[in-house]
Amino acid sequence: MAETDYYKILGVNKDASDSEIKKAYRKLALKYHPDKTRGNKQDEAKFKEISEAYAVLSDKEKRQQYDTYGSADFQQRYSQEDIFRNFNMGDILREFEFGGGSFSSSRQGGMGGNPFFNGMGGGGCQRNRRNIKGNAFEYEVTLSLEEVLTGTKKTIHINHGSINDSITVTIPKGMTTGKKIRVQGKGDASPFGGERGDLFIKSRVLNHPEYEIKENDIYVTRSIRLTQALLGTKINITTPLGKTMSLNVPAGTRHKSKMRLTGQGIPYLNKSQSGDLFVVIDVEMPKTLTREQKKLVEKLIKTGL
């Protein structure tokens, strides 16, 4: 998925204030507004682009999500419907000195037929109601660690009032908690007879009794004896999918040290790379010593150990 730099689109810095973002959008909106460009398709596309950027950066929550997770992950979390939800284009453009009829009936051959602007909300648009899609619908599925590692299929049952859907969905590898995939046309029905909205499947990964999940990395704890930590040892690690791997623990390994098995974590969604498996070393400290062990330790003290 291509990266989208909303700050670059509006020509502002990443630390730009709300007023700076608004000022930048106003300048570009005045330049690329359909009443100015008279049906130029490239300028319509530019107006769509700057409006999407402003819809994200002018919303505190969306901007924070975009800044935190980056463009690619943001696009997976937010559909076009999500981005423009509560974004009233008519009110905004009237504030920027375009009248209430800025998308007037005389523009039906230009902007009125563009489905992008049909979905942008607000009373400023003369829209064909049959082009209005139904609302998006979000459904959460619970996944085991094994299902996230290998991918799976889930049959889900959804009630949309008069419509009952039974849908089998292919869940790809890497659907860590909070990730979404879209199923087109399986959301809510349009109130005006248009297309149904889209269904978004959101994942929640169940806790595992042995492995801890942190984004795409997996953590597991393994215990070794004090002597093994001092002298070094080799231990076997079983991955969540049952693969046995040998791990060299070097001499002098400290308690709670983390050792990495590269690429043995959870695959990244729609990518060929995977996270890592981290082995946390738990050095067991004996609570009591036998008489012989105590004598040996006392000898070690004399050696300076």
C-alpha atoms as a PDB file:
ATOM      1  CA  MET A   1       0.000   0.000   0.000  1.00  0.00           C
ATOM      2  CA  ALA A   2       1.413   3.372  -1.058  1.00  0.00           C
ATOM      3  CA  GLU A   3       2.413   5.784   1.680  1.00  0.00           C
ATOM      4  CA  THR A   4       0.249   8.902   1.968  1.00  0.00           C
ATOM      5  CA  ASP A   5       1.894  11.955   3.528  1.00  0.00           C
ATOM      6  CA  TYR A   6      -0.993  14.189   4.576  1.00  0.00           C
ATOM      7  CA  TYR A   7       1.363  16.878   5.855  1.00  0.00           C
ATOM      8  CA  LYS A   8       3.146  17.039   2.505  1.00  0.00           C
ATOM      9  CA  ILE A   9      -0.175  17.161   0.655  1.00  0.00           C
ATOM     10  CA  LEU A  10      -1.169  20.285   2.613  1.00  0.00           C
ATOM     11  CA  GLY A  11       2.371  21.683   2.567  1.00  0.00           C
ATOM     12  CA  VAL A  12       2.764  21.947   6.345  1.00  0.00           C
ATOM     13  CA  ASN A  13       5.236  20.621   8.908  1.00  0.00           C
ATOM     14  CA  LYS A  14       4.374  17.700  11.179  1.00  0.00           C
ATOM     15  CA  ASP A  15       4.261  20.027  14.187  1.00  0.00           C
ATOM     16  CA  ALA A  16       1.877  22.445  12.461  1.00  0.00           C
ATOM     17  CA  SER A  17      -0.832  23.964  14.651  1.00  0.00           C
ATOM     18  CA  ASP A  18      -4.547  23.535  13.960  1.00  0.00           C
ATOM     19  CA  SER A  19      -4.750  27.075  12.613  1.00  0.00           C
ATOM     20  CA  GLU A  20      -1.798  26.497  10.265  1.00  0.00           C
ATOM     21  CA  ILE A  21      -3.404  23.321   8.920  1.00  0.00           C
ATOM     22  CA  LYS A  22      -6.714  25.119   8.418  1.00  0.00           C
ATOM     23  CA  LYS A  23      -5.018  28.028   6.663  1.00  0.00           C
ATOM     24  CA  ALA A  24      -3.128  25.681   4.327  1.00  0.00           C
ATOM     25  CA  TYR A  25      -6.293  23.779   3.441  1.00  0.00           C
ATOM     26  CA  ARG A  26      -8.248  26.980   2.802  1.00  0.00           C
ATOM     27  CA  LYS A  27      -5.594  28.185   0.351  1.00  0.00           C
ATOM     28  CA  LEU A  28      -5.607  24.894  -1.553  1.00  0.00           C
ATOM     29  CA  ALA A  29      -9.398  24.540  -1.427  1.00  0.00           C
ATOM     30  CA  LEU A  30      -9.782  27.978  -3.004  1.00  0.00           C
ATOM     31  CA  LYS A  31      -7.440  26.883  -5.794  1.00  0.00           C
ATOM     32  CA  TYR A  32      -8.844  23.428  -6.521  1.00  0.00           C
ATOM     33  CA  HIS A  33     -12.524  23.820  -5.648  1.00  0.00           C
ATOM     34  CA  PRO A  34     -14.766  22.454  -8.465  1.00  0.00           C
ATOM     35  CA  ASP A  35     -16.373  25.845  -9.054  1.00  0.00           C
ATOM     36  CA  LYS A  36     -12.898  27.139  -9.893  1.00  0.00           C
ATOM     37  CA  THR A  37     -11.602  24.239 -11.966  1.00  0.00           C
ATOM     38  CA  ARG A  38     -14.738  23.654 -14.049  1.00  0.00           C
ATOM     39  CA  GLY A  39     -14.671  19.885 -14.369  1.00  0.00           C
ATOM     40  CA  ASN A  40     -10.917  19.346 -14.640  1.00  0.00           C
ATOM     41  CA  LYS A  41     -10.515  15.711 -13.503  1.00  0.00           C
ATOM     42  CA  GLN A  42      -6.950  16.167 -12.256  1.00  0.00           C
ATOM     43  CA  ASP A  43      -7.991  19.135 -10.143  1.00  0.00           C
ATOM     44  CA  GLU A  44     -11.006  17.196  -8.828  1.00  0.00           C
ATOM     45  CA  ALA A  45      -8.619  14.433  -7.756  1.00  0.00           C
ATOM     46  CA  LYS A  46      -6.389  17.041  -6.093  1.00  0.00           C
ATOM     47  CA  PHE A  47      -9.379  18.514  -4.260  1.00  0.00           C
ATOM     48  CA  LYS A  48     -10.293  15.031  -3.031  1.00  0.00           C
ATOM     49  CA  GLU A  49      -6.699  14.495  -1.879  1.00  0.00           C
ATOM     50  CA  ILE A  50      -6.397  17.754   0.077  1.00  0.00           C
ATOM     51  CA  SER A  51      -9.858  17.243   1.605  1.00  0.00           C
ATOM     52  CA  GLU A  52      -8.878  13.780   2.832  1.00  0.00           C
ATOM     53  CA  ALA A  53      -5.666  15.212   4.317  1.00  0.00           C
ATOM     54  CA  TYR A  54      -7.619  17.951   6.094  1.00  0.00           C
ATOM     55  CA  ALA A  55     -10.262  15.494   7.336  1.00  0.00           C
ATOM     56  CA  VAL A  56      -7.501  13.517   9.073  1.00  0.00           C
ATOM     57  CA  LEU A  57      -5.249  16.316  10.342  1.00  0.00           C
ATOM     58  CA  SER A  58      -8.098  18.520  11.578  1.00  0.00           C
ATOM     59  CA  ASP A  59      -9.437  15.694  13.743  1.00  0.00           C
ATOM     60  CA  LYS A  60      -7.430  15.308  16.957  1.00  0.00           C
ATOM     61  CA  GLU A  61      -7.987  11.559  17.327  1.00  0.00           C
ATOM     62  CA  LYS A  62      -7.365  10.688  13.665  1.00  0.00           C
ATOM     63  CA  ARG A  63      -4.232  12.841  13.559  1.00  0.00           C
ATOM     64  CA  GLN A  64      -2.860  11.128  16.672  1.00  0.00           C
ATOM     65  CA  GLN A  65      -3.536   7.702  15.143  1.00  0.00           C
ATOM     66  CA  TYR A  66      -1.879   8.760  11.877  1.00  0.00           C
ATOM     67  CA  ASP A  67       1.189  10.171  13.681  1.00  0.00           C
ATOM     68  CA  THR A  68       1.478   7.093  15.914  1.00  0.00           C
ATOM     69  CA  TYR A  69       1.024   4.269  13.432  1.00  0.00           C
ATOM     70  CA  GLY A  70       2.090   5.790  10.110  1.00  0.00           C
ATOM     71  CA  SER A  71       0.304   5.936   6.779  1.00  0.00           C
ATOM     72  CA  ALA A  72       0.102   2.228   5.879  1.00  0.00           C
ATOM     73  CA  ASP A  73      -1.285   1.106   9.236  1.00  0.00           C
ATOM     74  CA  PHE A  74      -3.637   4.111   9.396  1.00  0.00           C
ATOM     75  CA  GLN A  75      -5.134   3.151   6.016  1.00  0.00           C
ATOM     76  CA  GLN A  76      -5.793  -0.344   7.346  1.00  0.00           C
ATOM     77  CA  ARG A  77      -7.486   1.029  10.463  1.00  0.00           C
ATOM     78  CA  TYR A  78      -9.575   3.704   8.703  1.00  0.00           C
ATOM     79  CA  SER A  79     -11.747   3.291   5.621  1.00  0.00           C
ATOM     80  CA  GLN A  80     -12.815   6.277   3.491  1.00  0.00           C
ATOM     81  CA  GLU A  81     -16.109   6.218   5.394  1.00  0.00           C
ATOM     82  CA  ASP A  82     -14.202   6.378   8.694  1.00  0.00           C
ATOM     83  CA  ILE A  83     -12.016   9.261   7.505  1.00  0.00           C
ATOM     84  CA  PHE A  84     -14.924  11.439   6.387  1.00  0.00           C
ATOM     85  CA  ARG A  85     -17.337  10.512   9.156  1.00  0.00           C
ATOM     86  CA  ASN A  86     -18.537  13.737  10.901  1.00  0.00           C
ATOM     87  CA  PHE A  87     -16.691  15.779   8.258  1.00  0.00           C
ATOM     88  CA  ASN A  88     -19.264  18.232   6.900  1.00  0.00           C
ATOM     89  CA  MET A  89     -17.872  19.540   3.636  1.00  0.00           C
ATOM     90  CA  GLY A  90     -20.747  21.974   3.127  1.00  0.00           C
ATOM     91  CA  ASP A  91     -20.186  23.736   6.445  1.00  0.00           C
ATOM     92  CA  ILE A  92     -16.415  23.837   5.972  1.00  0.00           C
ATOM     93  CA  LEU A  93     -16.548  25.339   2.493  1.00  0.00           C
ATOM     94  CA  ARG A  94     -19.158  27.895   3.520  1.00  0.00           C
ATOM     95  CA  GLU A  95     -16.735  28.925   6.273  1.00  0.00           C
ATOM     96  CA  PHE A  96     -14.099  29.328   3.556  1.00  0.00           C
ATOM     97  CA  GLU A  97     -16.428  31.745   1.720  1.00  0.00           C
ATOM     98  CA  PHE A  98     -17.980  29.284  -0.715  1.00  0.00           C
ATOM     99  CA  GLY A  99     -21.735  29.705  -0.595  1.00  0.00           C
ATOM    100  CA  GLY A 100     -24.274  27.101   0.450  1.00  0.00           C
ATOM    101  CA  GLY A 101     -24.790  26.354  -3.243  1.00  0.00           C
ATOM    102  CA  SER A 102     -21.122  25.667  -3.885  1.00  0.00           C
ATOM    103  CA  PHE A 103     -22.040  22.212  -5.169  1.00  0.00           C
ATOM    104  CA  SER A 104     -25.008  23.529  -7.092  1.00  0.00           C
ATOM    105  CA  SER A 105     -27.345  21.693  -9.423  1.00  0.00           C
ATOM    106  CA  SER A 106     -25.546  23.299 -12.353  1.00  0.00           C
ATOM    107  CA  ARG A 107     -22.532  21.174 -11.413  1.00  0.00           C
ATOM    108  CA  GLN A 108     -24.284  17.821 -11.712  1.00  0.00           C
ATOM    109  CA  GLY A 109     -22.225  16.861 -14.713  1.00  0.00           C
ATOM    110  CA  GLY A 110     -19.029  17.611 -12.807  1.00  0.00           C
ATOM    111  CA  MET A 111     -18.954  17.131  -9.037  1.00  0.00           C
ATOM    112  CA  GLY A 112     -22.489  15.841  -8.474  1.00  0.00           C
ATOM    113  CA  GLY A 113     -21.690  12.550 -10.181  1.00  0.00           C
ATOM    114  CA  ASN A 114     -18.452  11.927  -8.346  1.00  0.00           C
ATOM    115  CA  PRO A 115     -19.035   9.151  -5.747  1.00  0.00           C
ATOM    116  CA  PHE A 116     -16.227  10.509  -3.587  1.00  0.00           C
ATOM    117  CA  PHE A 117     -18.118  13.735  -2.968  1.00  0.00           C
ATOM    118  CA  ASN A 118     -21.363  11.849  -2.518  1.00  0.00           C
ATOM    119  CA  GLY A 119     -19.827  10.198   0.535  1.00  0.00           C
ATOM    120  CA  MET A 120     -18.393  13.294   2.189  1.00  0.00           C
ATOM    121  CA  GLY A 121     -21.458  14.239   4.213  1.00  0.00           C
ATOM    122  CA  GLY A 122     -22.906  17.655   4.850  1.00  0.00           C
ATOM    123  CA  GLY A 123     -25.735  19.619   3.312  1.00  0.00           C
ATOM    124  CA  GLY A 124     -23.671  21.489   0.700  1.00  0.00           C
ATOM    125  CA  CYS A 125     -23.903  18.776  -1.985  1.00  0.00           C
ATOM    126  CA  GLN A 126     -26.696  18.062  -4.436  1.00  0.00           C
ATOM    127  CA  ARG A 127     -26.417  14.274  -4.333  1.00  0.00           C
ATOM    128  CA  ASN A 128     -28.199  11.460  -6.018  1.00  0.00           C
ATOM    129  CA  ARG A 129     -29.462   9.528  -3.013  1.00  0.00           C
ATOM    130  CA  ARG A 130     -29.226   6.225  -4.797  1.00  0.00           C
ATOM    131  CA  ASN A 131     -25.456   6.684  -4.912  1.00  0.00           C
ATOM    132  CA  ILE A 132     -25.263   6.811  -1.112  1.00  0.00           C
ATOM    133  CA  LYS A 133     -23.837   3.592   0.291  1.00  0.00           C
ATOM    134  CA  GLY A 134     -24.976   2.052   3.516  1.00  0.00           C
ATOM    135  CA  ASN A 135     -22.931   2.496   6.671  1.00  0.00           C
ATOM    136  CA  ALA A 136     -19.837   0.431   7.324  1.00  0.00           C
ATOM    137  CA  PHE A 137     -20.247  -2.292   9.921  1.00  0.00           C
ATOM    138  CA  GLU A 138     -17.493  -3.524  12.247  1.00  0.00           C
ATOM    139  CA  TYR A 139     -17.354  -7.038  13.664  1.00  0.00           C
ATOM    140  CA  GLU A 140     -14.753  -8.266  16.146  1.00  0.00           C
ATOM    141  CA  VAL A 141     -13.395 -11.801  15.903  1.00  0.00           C
ATOM    142  CA  THR A 142     -11.263 -13.518  18.525  1.00  0.00           C
ATOM    143  CA  LEU A 143      -8.196 -15.375  17.293  1.00  0.00           C
ATOM    144  CA  SER A 144      -5.751 -17.768  18.917  1.00  0.00           C
ATOM    145  CA  LEU A 145      -2.024 -17.188  18.594  1.00  0.00           C
ATOM    146  CA  GLU A 146      -1.816 -20.176  16.244  1.00  0.00           C
ATOM    147  CA  GLU A 147      -4.520 -18.682  13.987  1.00  0.00           C
ATOM    148  CA  VAL A 148      -2.661 -15.372  13.812  1.00  0.00           C
ATOM    149  CA  LEU A 149       0.523 -17.212  12.829  1.00  0.00           C
ATOM    150  CA  THR A 150      -1.003 -19.369  10.101  1.00  0.00           C
ATOM    151  CA  GLY A 151      -4.146 -17.577   8.994  1.00  0.00           C
ATOM    152  CA  THR A 152      -7.574 -19.174   9.198  1.00  0.00           C
ATOM    153  CA  LYS A 153     -11.177 -19.050   8.050  1.00  0.00           C
ATOM    154  CA  LYS A 154     -14.033 -17.897  10.255  1.00  0.00           C
ATOM    155  CA  THR A 155     -17.763 -18.192   9.661  1.00  0.00           C
ATOM    156  CA  ILE A 156     -19.552 -15.274  11.262  1.00  0.00           C
ATOM    157  CA  HIS A 157     -23.238 -14.510  11.655  1.00  0.00           C
ATOM    158  CA  ILE A 158     -24.401 -10.897  11.483  1.00  0.00           C
ATOM    159  CA  ASN A 159     -27.868  -9.435  11.962  1.00  0.00           C
ATOM    160  CA  HIS A 160     -28.535  -6.231   9.991  1.00  0.00           C
ATOM    161  CA  GLY A 161     -32.142  -5.876  11.079  1.00  0.00           C
ATOM    162  CA  SER A 162     -34.042  -7.400   8.161  1.00  0.00           C
ATOM    163  CA  ILE A 163     -30.889  -8.980   6.732  1.00  0.00           C
ATOM    164  CA  ASN A 164     -29.155 -11.953   8.320  1.00  0.00           C
ATOM    165  CA  ASP A 165     -25.746 -12.784   6.901  1.00  0.00           C
ATOM    166  CA  SER A 166     -23.678 -15.903   7.360  1.00  0.00           C
ATOM    167  CA  ILE A 167     -20.253 -15.120   5.938  1.00  0.00           C
ATOM    168  CA  THR A 168     -17.088 -17.183   5.714  1.00  0.00           C
ATOM    169  CA  VAL A 169     -14.112 -14.845   5.950  1.00  0.00           C
ATOM    170  CA  THR A 170     -10.490 -15.654   5.168  1.00  0.00           C
ATOM    171  CA  ILE A 171      -8.311 -14.252   7.964  1.00  0.00           C
ATOM    172  CA  PRO A 172      -4.756 -13.635   6.715  1.00  0.00           C
ATOM    173  CA  LYS A 173      -1.602 -14.154   8.717  1.00  0.00           C
ATOM    174  CA  GLY A 174      -0.607 -11.273  10.955  1.00  0.00           C
ATOM    175  CA  MET A 175      -4.039 -10.145  12.144  1.00  0.00           C
ATOM    176  CA  THR A 176      -2.755  -8.937  15.492  1.00  0.00           C
ATOM    177  CA  THR A 177      -5.124  -7.196  17.900  1.00  0.00           C
ATOM    178  CA  GLY A 178      -6.747  -4.119  16.360  1.00  0.00           C
ATOM    179  CA  LYS A 179      -5.964  -4.957  12.737  1.00  0.00           C
ATOM    180  CA  LYS A 180      -8.843  -4.768  10.263  1.00  0.00           C
ATOM    181  CA  ILE A 181      -9.727  -6.292   6.916  1.00  0.00           C
ATOM    182  CA  ARG A 182     -12.574  -5.178   4.669  1.00  0.00           C
ATOM    183  CA  VAL A 183     -15.304  -7.335   3.141  1.00  0.00           C
ATOM    184  CA  GLN A 184     -16.940  -5.263   0.429  1.00  0.00           C
ATOM    185  CA  GLY A 185     -20.718  -4.957   0.322  1.00  0.00           C
ATOM    186  CA  LYS A 186     -21.456  -6.816   3.566  1.00  0.00           C
ATOM    187  CA  GLY A 187     -22.176  -3.803   5.782  1.00  0.00           C
ATOM    188  CA  ASP A 188     -25.470  -2.048   6.423  1.00  0.00           C
ATOM    189  CA  ALA A 189     -28.022  -1.537   3.678  1.00  0.00           C
ATOM    190  CA  SER A 190     -28.397   1.895   2.104  1.00  0.00           C
ATOM    191  CA  PRO A 191     -31.551   3.695   3.283  1.00  0.00           C
ATOM    192  CA  PHE A 192     -32.060   4.936  -0.297  1.00  0.00           C
ATOM    193  CA  GLY A 193     -31.613   1.703  -2.218  1.00  0.00           C
ATOM    194  CA  GLY A 194     -27.935   2.227  -3.023  1.00  0.00           C
ATOM    195  CA  GLU A 195     -25.058  -0.170  -2.455  1.00  0.00           C
ATOM    196  CA  ARG A 196     -24.592  -1.812   0.906  1.00  0.00           C
ATOM    197  CA  GLY A 197     -21.737  -0.555   3.047  1.00  0.00           C
ATOM    198  CA  ASP A 198     -18.630  -2.565   3.783  1.00  0.00           C
ATOM    199  CA  LEU A 199     -17.953  -4.977   6.613  1.00  0.00           C
ATOM    200  CA  PHE A 200     -14.761  -4.499   8.616  1.00  0.00           C
ATOM    201  CA  ILE A 201     -13.419  -7.491  10.495  1.00  0.00           C
ATOM    202  CA  LYS A 202     -11.391  -6.403  13.536  1.00  0.00           C
ATOM    203  CA  SER A 203      -9.182  -8.868  15.383  1.00  0.00           C
ATOM    204  CA  ARG A 204      -8.608  -9.513  19.071  1.00  0.00           C
ATOM    205  CA  VAL A 205      -5.936 -12.079  19.926  1.00  0.00           C
ATOM    206  CA  LEU A 206      -6.590 -14.242  22.964  1.00  0.00           C
ATOM    207  CA  ASN A 207      -4.014 -14.473  25.750  1.00  0.00           C
ATOM    208  CA  HIS A 208      -1.794 -17.562  25.638  1.00  0.00           C
ATOM    209  CA  PRO A 209      -0.823 -19.461  28.797  1.00  0.00           C
ATOM    210  CA  GLU A 210       2.829 -19.775  27.757  1.00  0.00           C
ATOM    211  CA  TYR A 211       3.614 -17.069  25.211  1.00  0.00           C
ATOM    212  CA  GLU A 212       3.205 -13.312  25.560  1.00  0.00           C
ATOM    213  CA  ILE A 213       2.347 -11.275  22.466  1.00  0.00           C
ATOM    214  CA  LYS A 214       3.691  -7.754  21.965  1.00  0.00           C
ATOM    215  CA  GLU A 215       2.599  -6.488  18.538  1.00  0.00           C
ATOM    216  CA  ASN A 216       4.392  -8.888  16.139  1.00  0.00           C
ATOM    217  CA  ASP A 217       6.929 -10.197  18.657  1.00  0.00           C
ATOM    218  CA  ILE A 218       6.416 -13.212  20.922  1.00  0.00           C
ATOM    219  CA  TYR A 219       7.993 -13.644  24.362  1.00  0.00           C
ATOM    220  CA  VAL A 220       8.561 -16.891  26.239  1.00  0.00           C
ATOM    221  CA  THR A 221      10.392 -17.490  29.537  1.00  0.00           C
ATOM    222  CA  ARG A 222      12.818 -20.383  30.057  1.00  0.00           C
ATOM    223  CA  SER A 223      14.572 -21.301  33.317  1.00  0.00           C
ATOM    224  CA  ILE A 224      18.205 -22.367  33.673  1.00  0.00           C
ATOM    225  CA  ARG A 225      20.309 -23.253  36.709  1.00  0.00           C
ATOM    226  CA  LEU A 226      22.851 -20.881  38.224  1.00  0.00           C
ATOM    227  CA  THR A 227      25.737 -23.059  37.076  1.00  0.00           C
ATOM    228  CA  GLN A 228      24.365 -23.043  33.515  1.00  0.00           C
ATOM    229  CA  ALA A 229      24.222 -19.261  33.576  1.00  0.00           C
ATOM    230  CA  LEU A 230      27.822 -19.098  34.813  1.00  0.00           C
ATOM    231  CA  LEU A 231      29.286 -21.658  32.429  1.00  0.00           C
ATOM    232  CA  GLY A 232      26.947 -21.389  29.444  1.00  0.00           C
ATOM    233  CA  THR A 233      24.594 -24.028  28.123  1.00  0.00           C
ATOM    234  CA  LYS A 234      22.360 -25.033  25.249  1.00  0.00           C
ATOM    235  CA  ILE A 235      18.573 -25.255  25.587  1.00  0.00           C
ATOM    236  CA  ASN A 236      15.737 -26.305  23.288  1.00  0.00           C
ATOM    237  CA  ILE A 237      12.949 -23.854  22.523  1.00  0.00           C
ATOM    238  CA  THR A 238       9.586 -24.893  21.148  1.00  0.00           C
ATOM    239  CA  THR A 239       7.858 -22.265  18.996  1.00  0.00           C
ATOM    240  CA  PRO A 240       4.072 -21.758  19.173  1.00  0.00           C
ATOM    241  CA  LEU A 241       3.709 -23.903  16.039  1.00  0.00           C
ATOM    242  CA  GLY A 242       5.640 -26.809  17.581  1.00  0.00           C
ATOM    243  CA  LYS A 243       9.002 -26.262  15.910  1.00  0.00           C
ATOM    244  CA  THR A 244      11.996 -27.144  18.139  1.00  0.00           C
ATOM    245  CA  MET A 245      14.993 -24.818  17.947  1.00  0.00           C
ATOM    246  CA  SER A 246      18.350 -24.996  19.724  1.00  0.00           C
ATOM    247  CA  LEU A 247      19.485 -21.887  21.561  1.00  0.00           C
ATOM    248  CA  ASN A 248      23.026 -21.273  22.824  1.00  0.00           C
ATOM    249  CA  VAL A 249      23.083 -19.486  26.173  1.00  0.00           C
ATOM    250  CA  PRO A 250      26.535 -17.908  26.590  1.00  0.00           C
ATOM    251  CA  ALA A 251      28.528 -18.053  29.817  1.00  0.00           C
ATOM    252  CA  GLY A 252      27.754 -15.195  32.177  1.00  0.00           C
ATOM    253  CA  THR A 253      24.154 -14.750  31.073  1.00  0.00           C
ATOM    254  CA  ARG A 254      22.279 -12.618  33.569  1.00  0.00           C
ATOM    255  CA  HIS A 255      18.835 -13.102  35.030  1.00  0.00           C
ATOM    256  CA  LYS A 256      16.055 -11.723  32.766  1.00  0.00           C
ATOM    257  CA  SER A 257      18.359 -11.495  29.759  1.00  0.00           C
ATOM    258  CA  LYS A 258      16.498 -11.569  26.428  1.00  0.00           C
ATOM    259  CA  MET A 259      17.719 -13.703  23.538  1.00  0.00           C
ATOM    260  CA  ARG A 260      16.307 -13.286  20.043  1.00  0.00           C
ATOM    261  CA  LEU A 261      15.233 -15.902  17.524  1.00  0.00           C
ATOM    262  CA  THR A 262      14.922 -13.734  14.427  1.00  0.00           C
ATOM    263  CA  GLY A 263      11.863 -14.117  12.238  1.00  0.00           C
ATOM    264  CA  GLN A 264      10.109 -16.603  14.530  1.00  0.00           C
ATOM    265  CA  GLY A 265       7.404 -14.183  15.626  1.00  0.00           C
ATOM    266  CA  ILE A 266       4.115 -13.151  14.020  1.00  0.00           C
ATOM    267  CA  PRO A 267       4.061 -12.242  10.318  1.00  0.00           C
ATOM    268  CA  TYR A 268       3.346  -8.608   9.479  1.00  0.00           C
ATOM    269  CA  LEU A 269      -0.019  -8.218   7.766  1.00  0.00           C
ATOM    270  CA  ASN A 270       0.342  -8.366   3.976  1.00  0.00           C
ATOM    271  CA  LYS A 271       4.143  -8.462   4.214  1.00  0.00           C
ATOM    272  CA  SER A 272       6.774 -11.164   3.843  1.00  0.00           C
ATOM    273  CA  GLN A 273       8.595 -10.222   7.080  1.00  0.00           C
ATOM    274  CA  SER A 274       7.817 -11.511  10.566  1.00  0.00           C
ATOM    275  CA  GLY A 275       8.501 -10.347  14.085  1.00  0.00           C
ATOM    276  CA  ASP A 276      10.881 -12.158  16.431  1.00  0.00           C
ATOM    277  CA  LEU A 277      10.625 -14.724  19.217  1.00  0.00           C
ATOM    278  CA  PHE A 278      12.338 -13.511  22.387  1.00  0.00           C
ATOM    279  CA  VAL A 279      13.454 -15.977  25.033  1.00  0.00           C
ATOM    280  CA  VAL A 280      13.619 -14.429  28.508  1.00  0.00           C
ATOM    281  CA  ILE A 281      16.163 -16.271  30.642  1.00  0.00           C
ATOM    282  CA  ASP A 282      15.103 -16.965  34.210  1.00  0.00           C
ATOM    283  CA  VAL A 283      18.195 -17.874  36.272  1.00  0.00           C
ATOM    284  CA  GLU A 284      17.044 -20.089  39.131  1.00  0.00           C
ATOM    285  CA  MET A 285      18.576 -19.186  42.477  1.00  0.00           C
ATOM    286  CA  PRO A 286      18.590 -22.109  44.959  1.00  0.00           C
ATOM    287  CA  LYS A 287      16.745 -21.375  48.180  1.00  0.00           C
ATOM    288  CA  THR A 288      18.882 -23.797  50.193  1.00  0.00           C
ATOM    289  CA  LEU A 289      22.306 -25.427  49.720  1.00  0.00           C
ATOM    290  CA  THR A 290      23.482 -28.864  50.716  1.00  0.00           C
ATOM    291  CA  ARG A 291      26.530 -29.097  52.968  1.00  0.00           C
ATOM    292  CA  GLU A 292      28.714 -30.026  49.991  1.00  0.00           C
ATOM    293  CA  GLN A 293      27.366 -27.168  47.856  1.00  0.00           C
ATOM    294  CA  LYS A 294      27.975 -24.695  50.644  1.00  0.00           C
ATOM    295  CA  LYS A 295      31.597 -25.835  50.979  1.00  0.00           C
ATOM    296  CA  LEU A 296      32.128 -25.447  47.250  1.00  0.00           C
ATOM    297  CA  VAL A 297      30.660 -21.948  47.287  1.00  0.00           C
ATOM    298  CA  GLU A 298      32.924 -21.005  50.212  1.00  0.00           C
ATOM    299  CA  LYS A 299      35.896 -22.175  48.157  1.00  0.00           C
ATOM    300  CA  LEU A 300      34.690 -20.019  45.244  1.00  0.00           C
ATOM    301  CA  ILE A 301      34.612 -17.006  47.552  1.00  0.00           C
ATOM    302  CA  LYS A 302      38.329 -17.500  48.255  1.00  0.00           C
ATOM    303  CA  THR A 303      39.014 -17.436  44.493  1.00  0.00           C
ATOM    304  CA  GLY A 304      37.411 -14.010  44.259  1.00  0.00           C
ATOM    305  CA  LEU A 305      34.269 -15.194  42.455  1.00  0.00           C
END
